[in-house]
Each structure stands twice: as C-alpha cells, then as structure tokens.
C-alpha atoms as a PDB file:
ATOM      1  CA  MET A   1     -53.385  82.284 -94.718  1.00  0.00           C
ATOM      2  CA  ALA A   2     -54.346  80.449 -97.854  1.00  0.00           C
ATOM      3  CA  LYS A   3     -53.337  82.000-101.144  1.00  0.00           C
ATOM      4  CA  SER A   4     -56.951  82.326-102.259  1.00  0.00           C
ATOM      5  CA  ASP A   5     -57.866  84.174 -99.038  1.00  0.00           C
ATOM      6  CA  SER A   6     -55.238  86.849 -99.569  1.00  0.00           C
ATOM      7  CA  MET A   7     -55.749  87.172-103.291  1.00  0.00           C
ATOM      8  CA  GLY A   8     -59.509  87.650-103.481  1.00  0.00           C
ATOM      9  CA  ARG A   9     -60.720  87.387-107.083  1.00  0.00           C
ATOM     10  CA  GLY A  10     -58.742  84.773-109.011  1.00  0.00           C
ATOM     11  CA  ASP A  11     -55.100  85.763-109.454  1.00  0.00           C
ATOM     12  CA  VAL A  12     -55.687  89.493-108.969  1.00  0.00           C
ATOM     13  CA  PRO A  13     -54.181  90.735-105.681  1.00  0.00           C
ATOM     14  CA  CYS A  14     -56.483  92.537-103.287  1.00  0.00           C
ATOM     15  CA  ARG A  15     -56.020  96.266-102.581  1.00  0.00           C
ATOM     16  CA  SER A  16     -54.535  95.411 -99.159  1.00  0.00           C
ATOM     17  CA  CYS A  17     -51.656  93.675-100.939  1.00  0.00           C
ATOM     18  CA  THR A  18     -50.891  96.273-103.610  1.00  0.00           C
ATOM     19  CA  GLU A  19     -50.467  99.987-104.095  1.00  0.00           C
ATOM     20  CA  PHE A  20     -53.507 101.793-105.489  1.00  0.00           C
ATOM     21  CA  LYS A  21     -51.812 102.626-108.803  1.00  0.00           C
ATOM     22  CA  SER A  22     -50.872  98.994-109.421  1.00  0.00           C
ATOM     23  CA  TRP A  23     -54.262  97.728-108.320  1.00  0.00           C
ATOM     24  CA  SER A  24     -56.181 100.241-110.409  1.00  0.00           C
ATOM     25  CA  LYS A  25     -54.211  99.259-113.532  1.00  0.00           C
ATOM     26  CA  GLN A  26     -55.040  95.605-112.903  1.00  0.00           C
ATOM     27  CA  MET A  27     -58.689  96.412-112.280  1.00  0.00           C
ATOM     28  CA  SER A  28     -59.176  98.950-115.081  1.00  0.00           C
ATOM     29  CA  MET A  29     -62.485  98.453-116.749  1.00  0.00           C
ATOM     30  CA  PRO A  30     -63.404  99.408-120.300  1.00  0.00           C
ATOM     31  CA  GLY A  31     -65.775 102.373-120.498  1.00  0.00           C
ATOM     32  CA  LYS A  32     -64.869 103.750-117.069  1.00  0.00           C
ATOM     33  CA  ASP A  33     -64.443 107.547-116.983  1.00  0.00           C
ATOM     34  CA  LYS A  34     -60.710 107.954-116.242  1.00  0.00           C
ATOM     35  CA  SER A  35     -61.125 111.655-115.361  1.00  0.00           C
ATOM     36  CA  GLN A  36     -63.017 110.846-112.151  1.00  0.00           C
ATOM     37  CA  LEU A  37     -61.093 111.141-108.918  1.00  0.00           C
ATOM     38  CA  PRO A  38     -60.745 107.914-106.943  1.00  0.00           C
ATOM     39  CA  ARG A  39     -63.458 107.360-104.381  1.00  0.00           C
ATOM     40  CA  THR A  40     -62.534 107.880-100.760  1.00  0.00           C
ATOM     41  CA  ASP A  41     -64.749 105.076 -99.463  1.00  0.00           C
ATOM     42  CA  CYS A  42     -62.947 102.157-101.130  1.00  0.00           C
ATOM     43  CA  PRO A  43     -60.985  99.401 -99.406  1.00  0.00           C
ATOM     44  CA  LEU A  44     -57.568 100.546 -98.223  1.00  0.00           C
ATOM     45  CA  ASP A  45     -54.670  99.900-100.579  1.00  0.00           C
ATOM     46  CA  LYS A  46     -51.331  98.657 -99.232  1.00  0.00           C
ATOM     47  CA  ASN A  47     -49.954 102.155 -98.601  1.00  0.00           C
ATOM     48  CA  GLU A  48     -53.109 103.390 -96.838  1.00  0.00           C
ATOM     49  CA  LEU A  49     -53.261 100.211 -94.778  1.00  0.00           C
ATOM     50  CA  GLY A  50     -49.596 100.584 -93.801  1.00  0.00           C
ATOM     51  CA  ARG A  51     -49.948 104.243 -92.777  1.00  0.00           C
ATOM     52  CA  SER A  52     -53.080 103.503 -90.768  1.00  0.00           C
ATOM     53  CA  THR A  53     -51.550 100.474 -89.094  1.00  0.00           C
ATOM     54  CA  TRP A  54     -48.335 102.279 -88.150  1.00  0.00           C
ATOM     55  CA  GLY A  55     -50.380 105.184 -86.775  1.00  0.00           C
ATOM     56  CA  PHE A  56     -52.446 102.815 -84.660  1.00  0.00           C
ATOM     57  CA  LEU A  57     -49.418 100.826 -83.433  1.00  0.00           C
ATOM     58  CA  HIS A  58     -47.380 103.889 -82.493  1.00  0.00           C
ATOM     59  CA  THR A  59     -50.359 105.459 -80.710  1.00  0.00           C
ATOM     60  CA  MET A  60     -51.014 102.207 -78.846  1.00  0.00           C
ATOM     61  CA  ALA A  61     -47.352 102.020 -77.784  1.00  0.00           C
ATOM     62  CA  ALA A  62     -47.396 105.679 -76.727  1.00  0.00           C
ATOM     63  CA  HIS A  63     -50.286 104.954 -74.336  1.00  0.00           C
ATOM     64  CA  TYR A  64     -48.944 101.640 -73.040  1.00  0.00           C
ATOM     65  CA  PRO A  65     -48.290 101.652 -69.262  1.00  0.00           C
ATOM     66  CA  GLU A  66     -44.842 102.646 -68.026  1.00  0.00           C
ATOM     67  CA  SER A  67     -45.051  99.754 -65.547  1.00  0.00           C
ATOM     68  CA  PRO A  68     -47.305  97.135 -67.137  1.00  0.00           C
ATOM     69  CA  SER A  69     -48.460  94.026 -65.331  1.00  0.00           C
ATOM     70  CA  GLN A  70     -47.072  90.636 -66.369  1.00  0.00           C
ATOM     71  CA  GLU A  71     -50.415  89.978 -68.044  1.00  0.00           C
ATOM     72  CA  GLN A  72     -50.159  93.216 -70.083  1.00  0.00           C
ATOM     73  CA  VAL A  73     -46.627  92.328 -71.185  1.00  0.00           C
ATOM     74  CA  ARG A  74     -47.771  88.854 -72.233  1.00  0.00           C
ATOM     75  CA  ASP A  75     -50.832  90.260 -74.019  1.00  0.00           C
ATOM     76  CA  MET A  76     -48.780  92.830 -75.933  1.00  0.00           C
ATOM     77  CA  LYS A  77     -46.362  90.178 -77.144  1.00  0.00           C
ATOM     78  CA  SER A  78     -49.329  88.004 -78.142  1.00  0.00           C
ATOM     79  CA  PHE A  79     -50.897  90.962 -79.941  1.00  0.00           C
ATOM     80  CA  PHE A  80     -47.890  91.328 -82.256  1.00  0.00           C
ATOM     81  CA  SER A  81     -47.764  87.587 -82.869  1.00  0.00           C
ATOM     82  CA  LEU A  82     -51.459  87.595 -83.788  1.00  0.00           C
ATOM     83  CA  LEU A  83     -51.029  90.701 -85.942  1.00  0.00           C
ATOM     84  CA  SER A  84     -48.341  88.875 -87.915  1.00  0.00           C
ATOM     85  CA  SER A  85     -50.798  86.014 -88.496  1.00  0.00           C
ATOM     86  CA  PHE A  86     -53.811  88.076 -89.557  1.00  0.00           C
ATOM     87  CA  TYR A  87     -52.389  91.179 -91.241  1.00  0.00           C
ATOM     88  CA  PRO A  88     -54.203  91.523 -94.599  1.00  0.00           C
ATOM     89  CA  CYS A  89     -51.032  91.938 -96.704  1.00  0.00           C
ATOM     90  CA  GLU A  90     -49.481  88.465 -96.652  1.00  0.00           C
ATOM     91  CA  TYR A  91     -46.051  89.735 -97.762  1.00  0.00           C
ATOM     92  CA  CYS A  92     -46.037  92.280 -94.909  1.00  0.00           C
ATOM     93  CA  ALA A  93     -47.335  89.686 -92.437  1.00  0.00           C
ATOM     94  CA  LYS A  94     -44.551  87.241 -93.334  1.00  0.00           C
ATOM     95  CA  ASP A  95     -41.969  90.015 -93.036  1.00  0.00           C
ATOM     96  CA  LEU A  96     -43.319  90.829 -89.564  1.00  0.00           C
ATOM     97  CA  ARG A  97     -43.262  87.156 -88.512  1.00  0.00           C
ATOM     98  CA  ASP A  98     -39.636  86.896 -89.636  1.00  0.00           C
ATOM     99  CA  GLU A  99     -38.720  90.122 -87.831  1.00  0.00           C
ATOM    100  CA  LEU A 100     -40.424  88.985 -84.591  1.00  0.00           C
ATOM    101  CA  LYS A 101     -38.202  85.888 -84.557  1.00  0.00           C
ATOM    102  CA  VAL A 102     -35.064  88.048 -84.774  1.00  0.00           C
ATOM    103  CA  ASP A 103     -36.216  90.884 -82.515  1.00  0.00           C
ATOM    104  CA  PRO A 104     -39.282  90.046 -80.371  1.00  0.00           C
ATOM    105  CA  PRO A 105     -41.398  92.837 -78.874  1.00  0.00           C
ATOM    106  CA  GLN A 106     -39.910  94.647 -75.893  1.00  0.00           C
ATOM    107  CA  ALA A 107     -42.934  95.321 -73.697  1.00  0.00           C
ATOM    108  CA  LYS A 108     -41.587  95.875 -70.167  1.00  0.00           C
ATOM    109  CA  SER A 109     -42.448  99.596 -70.305  1.00  0.00           C
ATOM    110  CA  GLN A 110     -43.960 102.270 -72.505  1.00  0.00           C
ATOM    111  CA  HIS A 111     -40.456 103.465 -73.352  1.00  0.00           C
ATOM    112  CA  ASP A 112     -39.244  99.980 -74.301  1.00  0.00           C
ATOM    113  CA  LEU A 113     -42.292  99.222 -76.466  1.00  0.00           C
ATOM    114  CA  SER A 114     -42.242 102.601 -78.223  1.00  0.00           C
ATOM    115  CA  GLN A 115     -38.517 102.335 -78.958  1.00  0.00           C
ATOM    116  CA  TRP A 116     -38.797  98.732 -80.167  1.00  0.00           C
ATOM    117  CA  LEU A 117     -41.679  99.667 -82.465  1.00  0.00           C
ATOM    118  CA  CYS A 118     -39.787 102.677 -83.799  1.00  0.00           C
ATOM    119  CA  ARG A 119     -36.783 100.496 -84.619  1.00  0.00           C
ATOM    120  CA  LEU A 120     -39.080  97.977 -86.321  1.00  0.00           C
ATOM    121  CA  HIS A 121     -40.738 100.749 -88.344  1.00  0.00           C
ATOM    122  CA  ASN A 122     -37.316 102.098 -89.343  1.00  0.00           C
ATOM    123  CA  LYS A 123     -36.274  98.645 -90.592  1.00  0.00           C
ATOM    124  CA  VAL A 124     -39.351  98.652 -92.829  1.00  0.00           C
ATOM    125  CA  ASN A 125     -38.625 102.221 -93.939  1.00  0.00           C
ATOM    126  CA  VAL A 126     -35.091 101.209 -94.963  1.00  0.00           C
ATOM    127  CA  LYS A 127     -36.466  98.251 -96.973  1.00  0.00           C
ATOM    128  CA  LEU A 128     -38.862 100.638 -98.736  1.00  0.00           C
ATOM    129  CA  GLY A 129     -36.211 103.273 -99.374  1.00  0.00           C
ATOM    130  CA  LYS A 130     -37.888 105.741 -97.021  1.00  0.00           C
ATOM    131  CA  LYS A 131     -36.334 108.090 -94.492  1.00  0.00           C
ATOM    132  CA  GLU A 132     -35.748 106.778 -90.973  1.00  0.00           C
ATOM    133  CA  PHE A 133     -37.494 108.435 -88.028  1.00  0.00           C
ATOM    134  CA  ASP A 134     -35.545 109.813 -85.042  1.00  0.00           C
ATOM    135  CA  CYS A 135     -36.653 107.392 -82.307  1.00  0.00           C
ATOM    136  CA  THR A 136     -35.826 109.916 -79.574  1.00  0.00           C
ATOM    137  CA  LYS A 137     -38.947 111.786 -80.730  1.00  0.00           C
ATOM    138  CA  VAL A 138     -41.557 108.992 -80.594  1.00  0.00           C
ATOM    139  CA  ASN A 139     -43.461 110.375 -77.601  1.00  0.00           C
ATOM    140  CA  GLU A 140     -43.388 113.847 -79.090  1.00  0.00           C
ATOM    141  CA  ARG A 141     -44.822 112.492 -82.343  1.00  0.00           C
ATOM    142  CA  TRP A 142     -47.329 109.966 -80.990  1.00  0.00           C
ATOM    143  CA  ARG A 143     -48.252 111.024 -77.446  1.00  0.00           C
ATOM    144  CA  ASP A 144     -47.317 114.518 -76.258  1.00  0.00           C
ATOM    145  CA  GLY A 145     -47.226 116.606 -79.426  1.00  0.00           C
ATOM    146  CA  TRP A 146     -44.292 118.561 -80.835  1.00  0.00           C
ATOM    147  CA  LEU A 147     -42.309 120.686 -78.412  1.00  0.00           C
ATOM    148  CA  ASP A 148     -42.943 123.802 -80.538  1.00  0.00           C
ATOM    149  CA  GLY A 149     -46.629 123.637 -79.557  1.00  0.00           C
ATOM    150  CA  SER A 150     -47.801 123.150 -83.162  1.00  0.00           C
ATOM    151  CA  CYS A 151     -50.178 120.360 -82.075  1.00  0.00           C
ATOM    152  CA  ASP A 152     -51.905 122.470 -79.394  1.00  0.00           C
END
C-alpha cells in the first residue's frame, strides 16, 4: 500500500491507523465545541477497528468446519494473506505479514484455526501490554457461550 493511500490527508494519519485520542488531537479544529461527545457514526479508529476485526476473525474461526475441504483450507490461508495486504492500518498489516511468515495459519480443522488465531491474538496482546486470553476457552467465548449460561 502506498504511503499516501494509508495516510489520507497529507501527513495526517487516518483514523484506522491511530487511536481516537491521538487522531482527535491532530484533527482539532478551532471553534469546535469541545464539550460535545464524539459522534458514533465516524470512521473507526485503530482500537475500534482492531476490536471489530478480532471479533469477526474469532467468530469466523469458531464457525469454520471441523473437517474442511482442501479448497476451504486453501481459501482460509489465502484469506489471511489477503487480509495482511489490505488491512487499513499499515503498521498492523505489516505486523500480520511478518507473523504469517513465522507462524502460518493452521486451517485443518475448526479447533486448529481457532487455537492458531487465539495464539496470534495473544502475541498482539503481549505487544500491546494487554492481558492474554485463555485459549482453552475460545469456543466458549466465540461460539457456544459461557458455561455459566450468562449468554443464554
């Protein structure tokens, strides 16, 4: 992706590449009423994009076939390669491309894909100083609902 494509207006990073607080400081405009709450219909910032993407990816992995066809395995691996090429945050996309070289997607079953994705997500969490998720609970979290019935 060309630098100008990912940056948007001049040298100001797009919301997909920055946190809202950083972006809003860069985009602050004189005369704007600072007491107004941020709109909810604005482009996603980096944190919102990340949460939404992880939610989608984990849900997709949770519903992946337990015994996928060779074509489904190939398509899933291609999906992650393409995601790493087109993800709106160039820094995140490059990080994913690098990670895919070291640890390519494991897509031979729903279990393998969900566990691989959980490990990938935990690597990102560690880089961001966030808590790691217990990968034994991925299907509970993303497919079946918590064992205590709180999702029913």
